[in-house]
């Protein structure tokens, strides 16, 4: 089985992406980041998802992005709960996917892997610039120039974004087809002390909308739904 590094936040999209990589015959090396996010319940979710889907290995890498702040997820800023907003929201974490993919690239090189999976979406998403196809394409090009294995032509990195052009409802339907246990996933930006999702932040609203459009019941217990 070819090794692949799979970015895994514990959310719906990344869990579906991991399940898809496994279905397609990759030995999945799941990579999660403890970056100082306020929604730390996703770290437990990532561990549960990785175990459930039989990841070959699961690493949790600490990076303290709270040192920089600049986001409602890594700073003392209020998470918006008035609806999905236009433009780039305050929940955007500066350069997050650039940092995450750089570290995924490092692990891929050590594993002699040419494949990295990331569950970015450019349809039902919060408007983050580092989820767009043009960003992924640019990073993939850079990866060939930035690694020893790329320069020596031993690997040619491919950033797989199988969910990029799917709606949230389509992602949920795909996850169901793949046997993903949605109860293990966590999407909320501002859960309570017990990890219970708020139901009002952008991420919760997008998830709930997706389940409604997929005609499925979200198994999570929301504070507001």
C-alpha atoms as a PDB file:
ATOM      1  CA  UNK A   1       0.000   0.000   0.000  1.00  0.00           C
ATOM      2  CA  UNK A   2       1.330   3.447  -0.914  1.00  0.00           C
ATOM      3  CA  UNK A   3       1.806   5.713   2.099  1.00  0.00           C
ATOM      4  CA  UNK A   4      -0.108   8.995   2.173  1.00  0.00           C
ATOM      5  CA  UNK A   5      -0.109  11.797   4.725  1.00  0.00           C
ATOM      6  CA  UNK A   6      -3.688  12.792   5.564  1.00  0.00           C
ATOM      7  CA  UNK A   7      -4.384  16.029   7.403  1.00  0.00           C
ATOM      8  CA  UNK A   8      -6.974  15.257  10.066  1.00  0.00           C
ATOM      9  CA  UNK A   9      -8.627  17.916  12.205  1.00  0.00           C
ATOM     10  CA  UNK A  10     -11.378  15.642  13.505  1.00  0.00           C
ATOM     11  CA  UNK A  11     -13.988  17.558  11.527  1.00  0.00           C
ATOM     12  CA  UNK A  12     -16.472  16.218   9.031  1.00  0.00           C
ATOM     13  CA  UNK A  13     -14.460  17.062   5.906  1.00  0.00           C
ATOM     14  CA  UNK A  14     -11.065  15.794   7.026  1.00  0.00           C
ATOM     15  CA  UNK A  15     -12.601  12.588   8.394  1.00  0.00           C
ATOM     16  CA  UNK A  16     -14.362  11.935   5.088  1.00  0.00           C
ATOM     17  CA  UNK A  17     -11.108  12.643   3.246  1.00  0.00           C
ATOM     18  CA  UNK A  18      -9.238  10.141   5.430  1.00  0.00           C
ATOM     19  CA  UNK A  19     -11.908   7.499   4.827  1.00  0.00           C
ATOM     20  CA  UNK A  20     -11.688   8.128   1.090  1.00  0.00           C
ATOM     21  CA  UNK A  21      -7.891   7.787   1.053  1.00  0.00           C
ATOM     22  CA  UNK A  22      -8.191   4.491   2.901  1.00  0.00           C
ATOM     23  CA  UNK A  23     -10.816   3.234   0.498  1.00  0.00           C
ATOM     24  CA  UNK A  24      -8.552   4.093  -2.425  1.00  0.00           C
ATOM     25  CA  UNK A  25      -5.829   1.817  -1.078  1.00  0.00           C
ATOM     26  CA  UNK A  26      -3.458   4.212   0.670  1.00  0.00           C
ATOM     27  CA  UNK A  27      -1.761   3.455   3.976  1.00  0.00           C
ATOM     28  CA  UNK A  28      -2.902   6.570   5.809  1.00  0.00           C
ATOM     29  CA  UNK A  29      -0.593   8.504   8.099  1.00  0.00           C
ATOM     30  CA  UNK A  30      -2.936  10.904   9.866  1.00  0.00           C
ATOM     31  CA  UNK A  31      -1.546  14.265  10.924  1.00  0.00           C
ATOM     32  CA  UNK A  32      -3.298  16.489  13.476  1.00  0.00           C
ATOM     33  CA  UNK A  33      -2.172  19.825  14.876  1.00  0.00           C
ATOM     34  CA  UNK A  34      -2.595  21.063  18.421  1.00  0.00           C
ATOM     35  CA  UNK A  35      -2.127  24.701  17.492  1.00  0.00           C
ATOM     36  CA  UNK A  36      -3.729  26.375  20.494  1.00  0.00           C
ATOM     37  CA  UNK A  37      -7.225  26.287  19.002  1.00  0.00           C
ATOM     38  CA  UNK A  38     -10.075  27.147  21.323  1.00  0.00           C
ATOM     39  CA  UNK A  39     -12.083  24.176  20.005  1.00  0.00           C
ATOM     40  CA  UNK A  40      -9.708  21.594  21.448  1.00  0.00           C
ATOM     41  CA  UNK A  41     -12.461  18.978  21.451  1.00  0.00           C
ATOM     42  CA  UNK A  42     -11.444  18.336  17.857  1.00  0.00           C
ATOM     43  CA  UNK A  43      -8.197  16.750  19.055  1.00  0.00           C
ATOM     44  CA  UNK A  44     -10.082  13.938  20.784  1.00  0.00           C
ATOM     45  CA  UNK A  45     -12.308  13.637  17.725  1.00  0.00           C
ATOM     46  CA  UNK A  46      -9.265  13.272  15.471  1.00  0.00           C
ATOM     47  CA  UNK A  47      -7.850  10.499  17.655  1.00  0.00           C
ATOM     48  CA  UNK A  48     -11.171   8.648  17.604  1.00  0.00           C
ATOM     49  CA  UNK A  49     -11.585   9.038  13.854  1.00  0.00           C
ATOM     50  CA  UNK A  50      -8.009   7.886  13.136  1.00  0.00           C
ATOM     51  CA  UNK A  51      -8.521   4.775  15.273  1.00  0.00           C
ATOM     52  CA  UNK A  52     -11.935   4.043  13.777  1.00  0.00           C
ATOM     53  CA  UNK A  53     -10.656   4.280  10.195  1.00  0.00           C
ATOM     54  CA  UNK A  54      -7.523   2.228  10.834  1.00  0.00           C
ATOM     55  CA  UNK A  55      -4.853   4.848  10.199  1.00  0.00           C
ATOM     56  CA  UNK A  56      -1.363   3.341   9.961  1.00  0.00           C
ATOM     57  CA  UNK A  57      -0.162   6.024  12.373  1.00  0.00           C
ATOM     58  CA  UNK A  58      -1.593   9.164  13.937  1.00  0.00           C
ATOM     59  CA  UNK A  59       0.629  12.056  14.973  1.00  0.00           C
ATOM     60  CA  UNK A  60      -0.504  15.093  16.952  1.00  0.00           C
ATOM     61  CA  UNK A  61       1.975  17.918  16.419  1.00  0.00           C
ATOM     62  CA  UNK A  62       2.020  20.890  18.826  1.00  0.00           C
ATOM     63  CA  UNK A  63       2.322  24.367  17.283  1.00  0.00           C
ATOM     64  CA  UNK A  64       1.409  27.389  19.377  1.00  0.00           C
ATOM     65  CA  UNK A  65      -0.302  29.722  16.916  1.00  0.00           C
ATOM     66  CA  UNK A  66      -1.716  31.592  19.909  1.00  0.00           C
ATOM     67  CA  UNK A  67       1.639  33.351  20.028  1.00  0.00           C
ATOM     68  CA  UNK A  68       0.524  35.159  16.864  1.00  0.00           C
ATOM     69  CA  UNK A  69      -3.214  35.386  17.509  1.00  0.00           C
ATOM     70  CA  UNK A  70      -5.166  37.235  14.843  1.00  0.00           C
ATOM     71  CA  UNK A  71      -8.091  34.801  14.781  1.00  0.00           C
ATOM     72  CA  UNK A  72     -11.111  34.077  16.935  1.00  0.00           C
ATOM     73  CA  UNK A  73      -9.803  30.498  17.115  1.00  0.00           C
ATOM     74  CA  UNK A  74      -6.383  31.457  18.515  1.00  0.00           C
ATOM     75  CA  UNK A  75      -7.011  34.772  20.291  1.00  0.00           C
ATOM     76  CA  UNK A  76      -9.348  36.354  22.819  1.00  0.00           C
ATOM     77  CA  UNK A  77     -11.897  37.307  20.174  1.00  0.00           C
ATOM     78  CA  UNK A  78     -15.554  36.364  20.059  1.00  0.00           C
ATOM     79  CA  UNK A  79     -16.609  33.658  17.617  1.00  0.00           C
ATOM     80  CA  UNK A  80     -19.359  35.110  15.372  1.00  0.00           C
ATOM     81  CA  UNK A  81     -22.725  33.397  15.789  1.00  0.00           C
ATOM     82  CA  UNK A  82     -25.060  35.516  13.682  1.00  0.00           C
ATOM     83  CA  UNK A  83     -24.834  33.504  10.486  1.00  0.00           C
ATOM     84  CA  UNK A  84     -22.351  32.664   7.752  1.00  0.00           C
ATOM     85  CA  UNK A  85     -20.742  35.976   6.873  1.00  0.00           C
ATOM     86  CA  UNK A  86     -19.513  37.371   3.564  1.00  0.00           C
ATOM     87  CA  UNK A  87     -15.791  37.839   3.020  1.00  0.00           C
ATOM     88  CA  UNK A  88     -12.996  36.302   5.063  1.00  0.00           C
ATOM     89  CA  UNK A  89     -14.277  35.835   8.642  1.00  0.00           C
ATOM     90  CA  UNK A  90     -12.463  36.411  11.933  1.00  0.00           C
ATOM     91  CA  UNK A  91     -12.249  32.616  12.379  1.00  0.00           C
ATOM     92  CA  UNK A  92      -9.622  32.506   9.611  1.00  0.00           C
ATOM     93  CA  UNK A  93      -6.277  31.512  11.171  1.00  0.00           C
ATOM     94  CA  UNK A  94      -3.442  33.328   9.366  1.00  0.00           C
ATOM     95  CA  UNK A  95      -1.565  31.002   6.998  1.00  0.00           C
ATOM     96  CA  UNK A  96      -2.856  27.904   8.817  1.00  0.00           C
ATOM     97  CA  UNK A  97      -3.076  25.560   5.842  1.00  0.00           C
ATOM     98  CA  UNK A  98       0.289  26.796   4.545  1.00  0.00           C
ATOM     99  CA  UNK A  99       1.884  25.845   7.864  1.00  0.00           C
ATOM    100  CA  UNK A 100       0.020  22.535   8.054  1.00  0.00           C
ATOM    101  CA  UNK A 101       0.860  21.507   4.502  1.00  0.00           C
ATOM    102  CA  UNK A 102       4.530  22.406   4.996  1.00  0.00           C
ATOM    103  CA  UNK A 103       4.740  19.994   7.926  1.00  0.00           C
ATOM    104  CA  UNK A 104       2.751  17.362   6.036  1.00  0.00           C
ATOM    105  CA  UNK A 105       5.269  17.739   3.213  1.00  0.00           C
ATOM    106  CA  UNK A 106       8.133  17.116   5.639  1.00  0.00           C
ATOM    107  CA  UNK A 107       6.542  13.902   6.904  1.00  0.00           C
ATOM    108  CA  UNK A 108       5.707  12.793   3.368  1.00  0.00           C
ATOM    109  CA  UNK A 109       9.351  13.177   2.385  1.00  0.00           C
ATOM    110  CA  UNK A 110      10.471  11.064   5.344  1.00  0.00           C
ATOM    111  CA  UNK A 111       7.907   8.415   4.383  1.00  0.00           C
ATOM    112  CA  UNK A 112       8.989   8.543   0.711  1.00  0.00           C
ATOM    113  CA  UNK A 113       5.410   9.414  -0.059  1.00  0.00           C
ATOM    114  CA  UNK A 114       4.195  11.401  -3.043  1.00  0.00           C
ATOM    115  CA  UNK A 115       0.666  11.859  -1.720  1.00  0.00           C
ATOM    116  CA  UNK A 116      -0.899  14.317   0.729  1.00  0.00           C
ATOM    117  CA  UNK A 117      -4.641  14.462   1.379  1.00  0.00           C
ATOM    118  CA  UNK A 118      -6.401  17.544   2.714  1.00  0.00           C
ATOM    119  CA  UNK A 119     -10.159  17.995   3.098  1.00  0.00           C
ATOM    120  CA  UNK A 120     -10.398  21.588   1.867  1.00  0.00           C
ATOM    121  CA  UNK A 121     -13.659  22.674   0.276  1.00  0.00           C
ATOM    122  CA  UNK A 122     -14.408  25.640  -1.986  1.00  0.00           C
ATOM    123  CA  UNK A 123     -18.203  25.307  -2.187  1.00  0.00           C
ATOM    124  CA  UNK A 124     -19.828  25.214   1.269  1.00  0.00           C
ATOM    125  CA  UNK A 125     -17.058  26.800   3.327  1.00  0.00           C
ATOM    126  CA  UNK A 126     -16.293  29.939   5.333  1.00  0.00           C
ATOM    127  CA  UNK A 127     -14.351  31.769   2.634  1.00  0.00           C
ATOM    128  CA  UNK A 128     -10.815  30.989   3.797  1.00  0.00           C
ATOM    129  CA  UNK A 129      -8.238  31.855   1.096  1.00  0.00           C
ATOM    130  CA  UNK A 130      -6.131  28.774   1.868  1.00  0.00           C
ATOM    131  CA  UNK A 131      -8.979  26.446   0.880  1.00  0.00           C
ATOM    132  CA  UNK A 132      -9.066  27.589  -2.746  1.00  0.00           C
ATOM    133  CA  UNK A 133      -7.868  25.361  -5.616  1.00  0.00           C
ATOM    134  CA  UNK A 134      -5.374  27.992  -6.787  1.00  0.00           C
ATOM    135  CA  UNK A 135      -3.660  27.905  -3.389  1.00  0.00           C
ATOM    136  CA  UNK A 136      -3.392  24.116  -3.477  1.00  0.00           C
ATOM    137  CA  UNK A 137      -2.029  24.211  -7.017  1.00  0.00           C
ATOM    138  CA  UNK A 138       0.603  26.786  -6.046  1.00  0.00           C
ATOM    139  CA  UNK A 139       1.667  24.785  -2.974  1.00  0.00           C
ATOM    140  CA  UNK A 140       1.947  21.611  -5.021  1.00  0.00           C
ATOM    141  CA  UNK A 141       4.229  23.395  -7.483  1.00  0.00           C
ATOM    142  CA  UNK A 142       6.343  24.768  -4.635  1.00  0.00           C
ATOM    143  CA  UNK A 143       6.655  21.289  -3.101  1.00  0.00           C
ATOM    144  CA  UNK A 144       8.553  20.015  -6.136  1.00  0.00           C
ATOM    145  CA  UNK A 145      11.133  22.765  -5.647  1.00  0.00           C
ATOM    146  CA  UNK A 146      11.411  22.626  -1.873  1.00  0.00           C
ATOM    147  CA  UNK A 147      12.328  19.007  -1.127  1.00  0.00           C
ATOM    148  CA  UNK A 148      15.343  16.824  -1.722  1.00  0.00           C
ATOM    149  CA  UNK A 149      13.145  14.034  -3.039  1.00  0.00           C
ATOM    150  CA  UNK A 150      11.480  16.452  -5.453  1.00  0.00           C
ATOM    151  CA  UNK A 151      14.737  17.904  -6.762  1.00  0.00           C
ATOM    152  CA  UNK A 152      16.151  14.403  -7.196  1.00  0.00           C
ATOM    153  CA  UNK A 153      12.939  13.373  -8.979  1.00  0.00           C
ATOM    154  CA  UNK A 154      12.325  10.516  -6.546  1.00  0.00           C
ATOM    155  CA  UNK A 155       8.862  11.805  -5.729  1.00  0.00           C
ATOM    156  CA  UNK A 156       6.393  14.175  -7.300  1.00  0.00           C
ATOM    157  CA  UNK A 157       4.093  15.476  -4.612  1.00  0.00           C
ATOM    158  CA  UNK A 158       0.375  15.453  -5.332  1.00  0.00           C
ATOM    159  CA  UNK A 159      -1.950  17.331  -2.998  1.00  0.00           C
ATOM    160  CA  UNK A 160      -5.244  15.437  -3.137  1.00  0.00           C
ATOM    161  CA  UNK A 161      -8.354  17.571  -2.529  1.00  0.00           C
ATOM    162  CA  UNK A 162     -11.188  15.158  -3.348  1.00  0.00           C
ATOM    163  CA  UNK A 163     -13.830  17.260  -1.570  1.00  0.00           C
ATOM    164  CA  UNK A 164     -12.904  20.588  -3.115  1.00  0.00           C
ATOM    165  CA  UNK A 165     -15.874  20.894  -5.450  1.00  0.00           C
ATOM    166  CA  UNK A 166     -18.486  19.026  -3.409  1.00  0.00           C
ATOM    167  CA  UNK A 167     -21.292  20.630  -1.440  1.00  0.00           C
ATOM    168  CA  UNK A 168     -21.482  19.895   2.280  1.00  0.00           C
ATOM    169  CA  UNK A 169     -24.478  17.643   1.614  1.00  0.00           C
ATOM    170  CA  UNK A 170     -22.480  15.687  -0.976  1.00  0.00           C
ATOM    171  CA  UNK A 171     -19.582  15.322   1.468  1.00  0.00           C
ATOM    172  CA  UNK A 172     -21.956  13.967   4.110  1.00  0.00           C
ATOM    173  CA  UNK A 173     -23.483  11.521   1.634  1.00  0.00           C
ATOM    174  CA  UNK A 174     -19.995  10.396   0.629  1.00  0.00           C
ATOM    175  CA  UNK A 175     -19.027   9.945   4.275  1.00  0.00           C
ATOM    176  CA  UNK A 176     -22.097   7.816   4.836  1.00  0.00           C
ATOM    177  CA  UNK A 177     -21.220   5.669   1.819  1.00  0.00           C
ATOM    178  CA  UNK A 178     -17.715   5.200   3.222  1.00  0.00           C
ATOM    179  CA  UNK A 179     -19.091   4.084   6.591  1.00  0.00           C
ATOM    180  CA  UNK A 180     -17.877   7.135   8.506  1.00  0.00           C
ATOM    181  CA  UNK A 181     -19.261   7.340  12.032  1.00  0.00           C
ATOM    182  CA  UNK A 182     -20.391  10.974  12.187  1.00  0.00           C
ATOM    183  CA  UNK A 183     -20.698  10.732  15.974  1.00  0.00           C
ATOM    184  CA  UNK A 184     -16.903  10.702  16.216  1.00  0.00           C
ATOM    185  CA  UNK A 185     -16.458  13.976  14.331  1.00  0.00           C
ATOM    186  CA  UNK A 186     -16.381  17.511  15.720  1.00  0.00           C
ATOM    187  CA  UNK A 187     -16.953  20.700  13.725  1.00  0.00           C
ATOM    188  CA  UNK A 188     -17.842  23.445  16.230  1.00  0.00           C
ATOM    189  CA  UNK A 189     -15.585  26.487  16.702  1.00  0.00           C
ATOM    190  CA  UNK A 190     -16.941  27.308  20.155  1.00  0.00           C
ATOM    191  CA  UNK A 191     -18.052  24.190  22.059  1.00  0.00           C
ATOM    192  CA  UNK A 192     -18.880  24.186  25.754  1.00  0.00           C
ATOM    193  CA  UNK A 193     -16.613  22.725  28.436  1.00  0.00           C
ATOM    194  CA  UNK A 194     -17.932  19.237  27.661  1.00  0.00           C
ATOM    195  CA  UNK A 195     -17.279  19.556  23.925  1.00  0.00           C
ATOM    196  CA  UNK A 196     -20.935  20.032  23.058  1.00  0.00           C
ATOM    197  CA  UNK A 197     -21.258  22.001  19.778  1.00  0.00           C
ATOM    198  CA  UNK A 198     -22.877  25.439  19.901  1.00  0.00           C
ATOM    199  CA  UNK A 199     -24.982  25.102  16.745  1.00  0.00           C
ATOM    200  CA  UNK A 200     -24.577  28.807  15.912  1.00  0.00           C
ATOM    201  CA  UNK A 201     -21.028  29.366  14.638  1.00  0.00           C
ATOM    202  CA  UNK A 202     -20.257  29.288  10.898  1.00  0.00           C
ATOM    203  CA  UNK A 203     -18.941  25.743  11.060  1.00  0.00           C
ATOM    204  CA  UNK A 204     -21.981  24.397  12.915  1.00  0.00           C
ATOM    205  CA  UNK A 205     -24.382  26.192  10.582  1.00  0.00           C
ATOM    206  CA  UNK A 206     -22.668  24.810   7.483  1.00  0.00           C
ATOM    207  CA  UNK A 207     -22.664  21.310   8.943  1.00  0.00           C
ATOM    208  CA  UNK A 208     -26.340  21.414   9.977  1.00  0.00           C
ATOM    209  CA  UNK A 209     -27.321  22.821   6.582  1.00  0.00           C
ATOM    210  CA  UNK A 210     -25.437  19.989   4.917  1.00  0.00           C
ATOM    211  CA  UNK A 211     -27.227  17.318   6.937  1.00  0.00           C
ATOM    212  CA  UNK A 212     -30.608  18.900   6.171  1.00  0.00           C
ATOM    213  CA  UNK A 213     -29.854  19.005   2.444  1.00  0.00           C
ATOM    214  CA  UNK A 214     -28.597  15.411   2.566  1.00  0.00           C
ATOM    215  CA  UNK A 215     -31.883  14.423   4.277  1.00  0.00           C
ATOM    216  CA  UNK A 216     -29.922  12.875   7.135  1.00  0.00           C
ATOM    217  CA  UNK A 217     -29.950  13.417  10.887  1.00  0.00           C
ATOM    218  CA  UNK A 218     -26.800  14.857  12.447  1.00  0.00           C
ATOM    219  CA  UNK A 219     -26.117  12.591  15.447  1.00  0.00           C
ATOM    220  CA  UNK A 220     -24.401  15.331  17.489  1.00  0.00           C
ATOM    221  CA  UNK A 221     -26.182  16.968  20.436  1.00  0.00           C
ATOM    222  CA  UNK A 222     -26.166  20.713  19.808  1.00  0.00           C
ATOM    223  CA  UNK A 223     -26.723  23.450  22.370  1.00  0.00           C
ATOM    224  CA  UNK A 224     -28.772  25.281  19.727  1.00  0.00           C
ATOM    225  CA  UNK A 225     -30.084  23.530  16.624  1.00  0.00           C
END
